[in-house]
Amino acid sequence: MNKWEKIRADYPVFNNYVYLCTNGGGPVSTPLVQKANELLTELSEKGRMVMPGWDNKAKDTRTLLAEMIHAKASEIAFITSTAHAMTMLYSMFPKHYEIITMHDEFPTSFVGWIHNGHTVHLVNSDPTGHISVADIAAQITPATKILITSHVMFRTGFRQDLKRIGELCKQHGLIHIVDATQSFGVNHLDVQEFNIDILIFHAYKWVTAGYGIGAMYVSQKLLDQYQPKVMSWYNVDYSTADFHSVKDYTQFTPKKDALVFETGTPPFINILLLREALQYLHRIGIPDIEAYVQTLISYLAEKAEKHNIKLLSDFSPAHRSAIQRLDITPAQFVQVQQNNIEARYKNNQLTIALSFYNNKEDIDKLFDCLAQD
């Protein structure tokens, strides 16, 4: 059994399905289930006495995350979802700050900003889903202050060139915000290399940490200039570090690091499950994962050509992602469903997502079904 077969064996979902839908949500592993059971058992046996140890492990999780993206632990905040993080950001910047984002973005990237009074300009993709950096640059005006982009577009699978976009943001003095929910765990991410000011991801997809936990990186440079307006008991400092010794809770100052985005008691179990999932990824190695998934993408393209099925996500290697789209008929999708292959289908497009637990046999089974039409 090779490395990838051993990893696949950790995911029981493959006992029931050919799972090609990580873009919609990744399955959790047997080790993660075991860790969840351990944590709940510990909580049942110790109650609040778990807190010192769990708090230290949460700090370790920040450190691990920071190392993975080349940030500082003090620049990492835990979030419950990408939408949660964006909600904290809406009030952080003046309303006259105009924003550029992509037409193909998930609504989280623009709905709240528009509702809160920001002017948002959308950059269109071409008919294939490709987004030109030149088209992004053409939208920049003196009023533009923020650029928001997903690393990978959720519907088309187009992967942005974050290095070029980061250079563009640096050139024009723009705040660079990246949603990495569709790429964290399967693609290289470096906030320094890509000049990213804010990076957000929900960890239920390629990280396979389950629902309700993610993280946000905010550069210290940005933290020194701006702060969110949402304040509560947890994201402020009082006159003493001992919370229960504070005499006047009305006297406080907002925290100076990324903890200012954590308003209440952290979801410790979720954070420690995220820690488990990140350690799992770290042991495999993100570079190895990215290279392996690229071999699966290439194999998928070969199979599509052989079966004369149009690959709609036929981008150049620099823009390919783990999300791939095929042009198929409703009758072909019926075959997909009947063979327990889990993938998304809409408007004659079959969207599949490949991860480190998939293999070429999954792709073979898919195309065997498509050939039955």
Protein backbone atom coordinates (compact mmCIF):
# COMPACT_ATOMS: atom_id res chain seq x y z
CA MET A 1 0.00 0.00 0.00
CA ASN A 2 1.59 3.29 -1.09
CA LYS A 3 1.37 6.66 0.65
CA TRP A 4 -1.79 7.78 -1.13
CA GLU A 5 -3.58 4.46 -0.62
CA LYS A 6 -2.88 4.67 3.12
CA ILE A 7 -4.32 8.18 3.20
CA ARG A 8 -7.42 7.09 1.28
CA ALA A 9 -7.98 4.29 3.80
CA ASP A 10 -8.43 6.96 6.48
CA TYR A 11 -11.59 8.23 4.75
CA PRO A 12 -14.57 5.83 5.14
CA VAL A 13 -16.65 7.85 2.66
CA PHE A 14 -15.05 5.75 -0.10
CA ASN A 15 -16.75 2.66 1.29
CA ASN A 16 -20.00 4.18 0.04
CA TYR A 17 -19.22 6.63 -2.75
CA VAL A 18 -16.79 7.71 -5.40
CA TYR A 19 -16.41 11.07 -3.72
CA LEU A 20 -15.65 13.90 -6.15
CA CYS A 21 -17.29 16.77 -4.28
CA THR A 22 -14.68 18.24 -1.95
CA ASN A 23 -15.56 21.69 -3.31
CA GLY A 24 -18.93 21.28 -1.59
CA GLY A 25 -17.45 19.87 1.60
CA GLY A 26 -14.74 17.39 2.43
CA PRO A 27 -15.33 14.19 4.41
CA VAL A 28 -13.54 13.85 7.73
CA SER A 29 -10.99 11.15 8.42
CA THR A 30 -11.10 8.31 10.91
CA PRO A 31 -8.25 9.92 12.93
CA LEU A 32 -10.31 13.12 13.17
CA VAL A 33 -13.35 11.18 14.40
CA GLN A 34 -11.14 9.51 17.00
CA LYS A 35 -9.79 12.90 18.10
CA ALA A 36 -13.33 14.29 18.42
CA ASN A 37 -14.28 11.34 20.61
CA GLU A 38 -11.18 11.87 22.75
CA LEU A 39 -11.95 15.56 23.24
CA LEU A 40 -15.59 14.99 24.14
CA THR A 41 -14.62 12.20 26.53
CA GLU A 42 -12.05 14.45 28.16
CA LEU A 43 -14.64 17.21 28.54
CA SER A 44 -17.14 14.78 30.05
CA GLU A 45 -14.59 13.57 32.60
CA LYS A 46 -12.89 16.86 33.50
CA GLY A 47 -15.35 19.67 32.76
CA ARG A 48 -13.76 23.11 32.78
CA MET A 49 -10.47 21.64 33.99
CA VAL A 50 -9.66 20.93 30.35
CA MET A 51 -9.29 24.64 29.65
CA PRO A 52 -5.58 25.27 30.41
CA GLY A 53 -4.46 22.38 28.22
CA TRP A 54 -6.89 23.16 25.45
CA ASP A 55 -5.92 26.82 25.47
CA ASN A 56 -2.26 25.88 25.00
CA LYS A 57 -3.16 23.58 22.10
CA ALA A 58 -5.17 26.39 20.51
CA LYS A 59 -2.05 28.56 20.71
CA ASP A 60 -0.09 25.74 19.06
CA THR A 61 -2.68 25.71 16.27
CA ARG A 62 -2.10 29.42 15.62
CA THR A 63 1.62 28.80 15.45
CA LEU A 64 1.20 25.89 13.03
CA LEU A 65 -1.11 27.91 10.79
CA ALA A 66 1.28 30.84 10.83
CA GLU A 67 4.17 28.61 9.80
CA MET A 68 2.15 27.13 6.94
CA ILE A 69 1.47 30.55 5.35
CA HIS A 70 4.64 32.38 6.54
CA ALA A 71 2.91 34.67 9.02
CA LYS A 72 3.17 35.35 12.76
CA ALA A 73 0.97 33.58 15.28
CA SER A 74 -0.23 36.97 16.52
CA GLU A 75 -1.66 37.60 13.03
CA ILE A 76 -3.97 34.55 13.15
CA ALA A 77 -7.60 34.56 14.33
CA PHE A 78 -10.02 31.65 14.43
CA ILE A 79 -13.36 32.09 12.67
CA THR A 80 -16.50 30.00 12.24
CA SER A 81 -16.83 30.67 8.50
CA THR A 82 -15.65 32.94 5.72
CA ALA A 83 -18.91 34.87 6.05
CA HIS A 84 -18.17 35.41 9.75
CA ALA A 85 -14.77 36.88 8.91
CA MET A 86 -16.12 39.14 6.17
CA THR A 87 -18.82 40.41 8.54
CA MET A 88 -16.07 41.59 10.89
CA LEU A 89 -14.35 43.38 8.01
CA TYR A 90 -17.35 45.31 6.66
CA SER A 91 -17.20 47.93 9.41
CA MET A 92 -13.42 47.98 9.65
CA PHE A 93 -12.84 50.19 6.62
CA PRO A 94 -14.34 53.59 5.73
CA LYS A 95 -17.35 53.43 3.40
CA HIS A 96 -15.66 55.66 0.84
CA TYR A 97 -13.13 52.88 0.23
CA GLU A 98 -14.15 51.48 -3.15
CA ILE A 99 -13.69 47.78 -3.76
CA ILE A 100 -12.78 45.63 -6.74
CA THR A 101 -13.79 41.99 -6.77
CA MET A 102 -14.69 39.35 -9.36
CA HIS A 103 -18.08 38.68 -10.95
CA ASP A 104 -17.44 34.94 -10.46
CA GLU A 105 -16.90 35.30 -6.71
CA PHE A 106 -18.92 33.56 -4.05
CA PRO A 107 -21.44 36.17 -2.77
CA THR A 108 -19.59 36.48 0.55
CA SER A 109 -17.02 38.61 -1.27
CA PHE A 110 -19.44 41.39 -2.15
CA VAL A 111 -22.98 41.12 -0.68
CA GLY A 112 -22.14 42.48 2.77
CA TRP A 113 -19.88 45.20 1.41
CA ILE A 114 -22.64 46.46 -0.88
CA HIS A 115 -25.20 46.30 1.94
CA ASN A 116 -22.90 48.33 4.18
CA GLY A 117 -22.58 51.13 1.65
CA HIS A 118 -19.32 50.39 -0.14
CA THR A 119 -19.08 50.87 -3.89
CA VAL A 120 -18.11 47.51 -5.38
CA HIS A 121 -16.82 47.06 -8.94
CA LEU A 122 -17.02 43.56 -10.46
CA VAL A 123 -14.45 42.26 -12.95
CA ASN A 124 -15.90 39.89 -15.54
CA SER A 125 -14.27 36.70 -16.72
CA ASP A 126 -14.17 35.63 -20.36
CA PRO A 127 -16.59 32.90 -21.58
CA THR A 128 -14.20 30.16 -20.40
CA GLY A 129 -13.93 31.59 -16.88
CA HIS A 130 -10.46 33.10 -17.30
CA ILE A 131 -9.92 36.38 -15.43
CA SER A 132 -7.33 38.73 -16.86
CA VAL A 133 -5.05 40.67 -14.52
CA ALA A 134 -5.14 43.44 -17.13
CA ASP A 135 -8.92 43.61 -16.76
CA ILE A 136 -8.52 43.87 -12.99
CA ALA A 137 -5.95 46.65 -13.39
CA ALA A 138 -8.27 48.53 -15.74
CA GLN A 139 -10.85 48.86 -12.95
CA ILE A 140 -8.45 50.57 -10.53
CA THR A 141 -9.09 54.27 -9.87
CA PRO A 142 -7.80 56.69 -7.21
CA ALA A 143 -10.88 55.76 -5.14
CA THR A 144 -10.04 52.05 -5.17
CA LYS A 145 -8.66 50.92 -1.81
CA ILE A 146 -9.46 47.20 -1.53
CA LEU A 147 -9.16 44.21 -3.87
CA ILE A 148 -10.99 41.02 -2.88
CA THR A 149 -10.49 37.76 -4.71
CA SER A 150 -10.87 34.06 -4.15
CA HIS A 151 -7.74 32.06 -4.82
CA VAL A 152 -9.95 29.62 -6.75
CA MET A 153 -13.35 30.56 -8.17
CA PHE A 154 -16.02 28.31 -6.71
CA ARG A 155 -18.01 27.75 -9.92
CA THR A 156 -15.42 27.84 -12.68
CA GLY A 157 -12.37 26.44 -10.89
CA PHE A 158 -10.19 29.25 -12.26
CA ARG A 159 -7.12 29.77 -10.06
CA GLN A 160 -5.95 33.34 -9.72
CA ASP A 161 -2.29 34.24 -10.05
CA LEU A 162 -1.99 35.64 -6.53
CA LYS A 163 1.61 36.70 -7.04
CA ARG A 164 0.71 38.98 -9.97
CA ILE A 165 -2.37 40.29 -8.20
CA GLY A 166 -0.33 40.90 -5.06
CA GLU A 167 2.20 42.88 -7.08
CA LEU A 168 -0.65 44.89 -8.60
CA CYS A 169 -2.02 45.66 -5.14
CA LYS A 170 1.40 46.72 -3.90
CA GLN A 171 1.90 48.96 -6.93
CA HIS A 172 -1.40 50.77 -6.32
CA GLY A 173 -1.42 50.66 -2.52
CA LEU A 174 -4.48 48.39 -2.34
CA ILE A 175 -5.51 46.18 0.56
CA HIS A 176 -5.31 42.62 -0.76
CA ILE A 177 -7.98 40.28 0.68
CA VAL A 178 -8.00 36.61 -0.36
CA ASP A 179 -10.63 33.92 0.24
CA ALA A 180 -8.69 30.65 0.19
CA THR A 181 -11.54 28.32 1.14
CA GLN A 182 -11.32 26.51 -2.22
CA SER A 183 -7.53 26.17 -2.13
CA PHE A 184 -6.22 25.92 1.42
CA GLY A 185 -4.84 22.43 1.87
CA VAL A 186 -4.30 21.72 -1.82
CA ASN A 187 -2.39 24.75 -3.15
CA HIS A 188 0.70 26.68 -2.09
CA LEU A 189 -0.10 29.81 -0.07
CA ASP A 190 2.40 32.36 1.21
CA VAL A 191 1.12 35.70 2.49
CA GLN A 192 4.53 37.32 2.13
CA GLU A 193 5.23 36.07 -1.38
CA PHE A 194 1.74 37.02 -2.56
CA ASN A 195 1.58 40.35 -0.68
CA ILE A 196 -1.67 39.34 1.04
CA ASP A 197 -3.03 41.62 3.76
CA ILE A 198 -5.96 39.43 4.80
CA LEU A 199 -6.34 35.70 4.11
CA ILE A 200 -9.52 33.83 5.05
CA PHE A 201 -10.51 30.19 4.79
CA HIS A 202 -13.23 27.88 6.11
CA ALA A 203 -11.64 24.50 6.86
CA TYR A 204 -14.44 22.14 5.81
CA LYS A 205 -13.24 21.54 2.26
CA TRP A 206 -9.67 20.46 1.41
CA VAL A 207 -8.52 20.80 5.03
CA THR A 208 -11.24 18.25 5.97
CA ALA A 209 -11.62 19.63 9.50
CA GLY A 210 -15.42 19.63 9.47
CA TYR A 211 -17.91 22.49 9.52
CA GLY A 212 -17.77 25.60 11.68
CA ILE A 213 -14.05 26.35 11.93
CA GLY A 214 -11.56 28.28 9.85
CA ALA A 215 -8.96 30.96 10.26
CA MET A 216 -8.09 34.46 9.20
CA TYR A 217 -4.68 36.06 8.76
CA VAL A 218 -4.49 39.83 9.16
CA SER A 219 -1.11 41.51 8.70
CA GLN A 220 0.21 43.42 11.69
CA LYS A 221 0.66 46.43 9.42
CA LEU A 222 -3.08 46.45 8.80
CA LEU A 223 -3.88 45.80 12.46
CA ASP A 224 -1.86 48.88 13.38
CA GLN A 225 -3.99 51.02 11.04
CA TYR A 226 -7.51 49.63 11.40
CA GLN A 227 -9.65 47.79 13.90
CA PRO A 228 -13.09 46.16 13.67
CA LYS A 229 -16.02 47.96 15.26
CA VAL A 230 -17.45 44.78 16.79
CA MET A 231 -16.29 44.58 20.40
CA SER A 232 -17.19 42.23 23.23
CA TRP A 233 -15.63 40.88 26.40
CA TYR A 234 -13.04 38.60 24.78
CA ASN A 235 -11.37 40.80 22.18
CA VAL A 236 -10.45 43.64 24.52
CA ASP A 237 -7.80 44.13 27.21
CA TYR A 238 -8.64 45.26 30.74
CA SER A 239 -6.55 46.78 33.52
CA THR A 240 -5.21 43.35 34.50
CA ALA A 241 -4.64 40.10 32.65
CA ASP A 242 -6.65 38.23 35.30
CA PHE A 243 -10.21 38.68 34.02
CA HIS A 244 -11.82 37.85 37.37
CA SER A 245 -9.70 40.45 39.19
CA VAL A 246 -10.88 43.35 37.02
CA LYS A 247 -12.75 45.95 39.09
CA ASP A 248 -14.24 48.00 36.24
CA TYR A 249 -15.13 46.18 33.02
CA THR A 250 -16.15 49.46 31.37
CA GLN A 251 -12.47 50.39 31.11
CA PHE A 252 -10.94 48.50 28.20
CA THR A 253 -8.89 48.81 25.03
CA PRO A 254 -9.23 46.70 21.87
CA LYS A 255 -6.59 44.01 21.47
CA LYS A 256 -3.70 44.94 19.20
CA ASP A 257 -3.27 41.59 17.47
CA ALA A 258 -5.55 39.35 15.39
CA LEU A 259 -7.34 38.22 18.56
CA VAL A 260 -9.34 41.42 18.16
CA PHE A 261 -11.46 39.41 15.71
CA GLU A 262 -12.36 36.78 18.32
CA THR A 263 -15.24 38.27 20.29
CA GLY A 264 -16.18 35.40 22.60
CA THR A 265 -15.12 32.09 24.09
CA PRO A 266 -13.36 30.15 21.33
CA PRO A 267 -14.89 26.95 19.93
CA PHE A 268 -12.08 24.90 21.44
CA ILE A 269 -13.17 21.49 20.18
CA ASN A 270 -13.38 22.80 16.61
CA ILE A 271 -10.00 24.49 16.95
CA LEU A 272 -8.36 21.32 18.22
CA LEU A 273 -9.93 19.33 15.40
CA LEU A 274 -8.50 21.92 13.02
CA ARG A 275 -5.13 21.34 14.69
CA GLU A 276 -5.45 17.60 14.07
CA ALA A 277 -6.39 18.17 10.42
CA LEU A 278 -3.54 20.64 9.85
CA GLN A 279 -1.02 18.27 11.39
CA TYR A 280 -2.33 15.55 9.08
CA LEU A 281 -1.81 17.81 6.05
CA HIS A 282 1.58 18.88 7.34
CA ARG A 283 2.72 15.26 7.57
CA ILE A 284 1.69 14.62 3.97
CA GLY A 285 3.17 17.92 2.78
CA ILE A 286 1.27 20.57 0.83
CA PRO A 287 3.80 20.48 -2.05
CA ASP A 288 3.27 16.71 -2.36
CA ILE A 289 -0.51 17.16 -2.25
CA GLU A 290 -0.42 19.84 -4.92
CA ALA A 291 1.80 17.76 -7.20
CA TYR A 292 -0.31 14.64 -6.72
CA VAL A 293 -3.58 16.44 -7.45
CA GLN A 294 -2.03 17.96 -10.58
CA THR A 295 -1.32 14.43 -11.85
CA LEU A 296 -4.99 13.58 -11.31
CA ILE A 297 -6.06 16.72 -13.17
CA SER A 298 -3.83 15.80 -16.11
CA TYR A 299 -5.23 12.27 -16.10
CA LEU A 300 -8.77 13.67 -16.08
CA ALA A 301 -7.95 15.84 -19.11
CA GLU A 302 -6.56 12.81 -20.96
CA LYS A 303 -9.69 10.79 -20.23
CA ALA A 304 -11.95 13.64 -21.33
CA GLU A 305 -10.11 13.92 -24.64
CA LYS A 306 -10.20 10.15 -25.16
CA HIS A 307 -13.96 10.03 -24.53
CA ASN A 308 -14.63 13.17 -26.57
CA ILE A 309 -16.09 14.99 -23.56
CA LYS A 310 -15.44 18.71 -23.39
CA LEU A 311 -13.34 19.86 -20.46
CA LEU A 312 -14.79 23.28 -19.63
CA SER A 313 -12.06 24.12 -17.12
CA ASP A 314 -9.28 23.75 -19.67
CA PHE A 315 -7.08 26.50 -18.24
CA SER A 316 -3.31 26.84 -18.53
CA PRO A 317 -1.36 24.96 -15.81
CA ALA A 318 -0.84 28.17 -13.80
CA HIS A 319 -4.60 28.65 -13.56
CA ARG A 320 -5.74 25.05 -13.11
CA SER A 321 -7.23 24.06 -9.78
CA ALA A 322 -8.61 20.96 -8.10
CA ILE A 323 -12.08 22.01 -9.32
CA GLN A 324 -12.75 20.69 -12.82
CA ARG A 325 -15.84 20.96 -15.06
CA LEU A 326 -17.11 18.61 -17.77
CA ASP A 327 -19.84 19.23 -20.36
CA ILE A 328 -22.24 16.29 -20.05
CA THR A 329 -25.90 15.52 -20.74
CA PRO A 330 -28.68 14.99 -18.16
CA ALA A 331 -28.78 11.31 -19.17
CA GLN A 332 -25.08 10.98 -18.40
CA PHE A 333 -25.61 12.54 -14.99
CA VAL A 334 -28.28 9.94 -14.25
CA GLN A 335 -25.58 7.31 -14.79
CA VAL A 336 -23.29 9.21 -12.43
CA GLN A 337 -25.94 9.22 -9.70
CA GLN A 338 -26.87 5.58 -10.19
CA ASN A 339 -23.24 4.55 -9.70
CA ASN A 340 -22.85 6.36 -6.36
CA ILE A 341 -20.53 9.01 -7.74
CA GLU A 342 -20.90 12.20 -5.72
CA ALA A 343 -20.40 15.34 -7.83
CA ARG A 344 -22.30 18.53 -8.57
CA TYR A 345 -24.35 19.02 -11.72
CA LYS A 346 -25.97 22.18 -13.04
CA ASN A 347 -26.73 23.53 -16.53
CA ASN A 348 -25.14 20.53 -18.29
CA GLN A 349 -21.94 21.02 -16.30
CA LEU A 350 -20.56 18.31 -14.05
CA THR A 351 -18.27 19.88 -11.47
CA ILE A 352 -15.84 17.53 -9.79
CA ALA A 353 -13.21 18.25 -7.20
CA LEU A 354 -10.06 16.19 -6.72
CA SER A 355 -8.12 15.83 -3.50
CA PHE A 356 -5.31 13.83 -1.94
CA TYR A 357 -7.66 10.93 -1.15
CA ASN A 358 -8.82 10.49 -4.74
CA ASN A 359 -7.08 8.27 -7.28
CA LYS A 360 -7.10 7.46 -10.98
CA GLU A 361 -9.60 4.66 -10.40
CA ASP A 362 -12.15 7.27 -9.26
CA ILE A 363 -11.68 9.04 -12.58
CA ASP A 364 -11.90 5.76 -14.50
CA LYS A 365 -15.20 4.93 -12.80
CA LEU A 366 -16.56 8.36 -13.68
CA PHE A 367 -15.74 8.04 -17.36
CA ASP A 368 -17.01 4.47 -17.48
CA CYS A 369 -20.37 5.87 -16.36
CA LEU A 370 -20.27 8.70 -18.87
CA ALA A 371 -19.55 6.21 -21.66
CA GLN A 372 -22.77 4.30 -20.87
CA ASP A 373 -25.00 7.07 -22.25
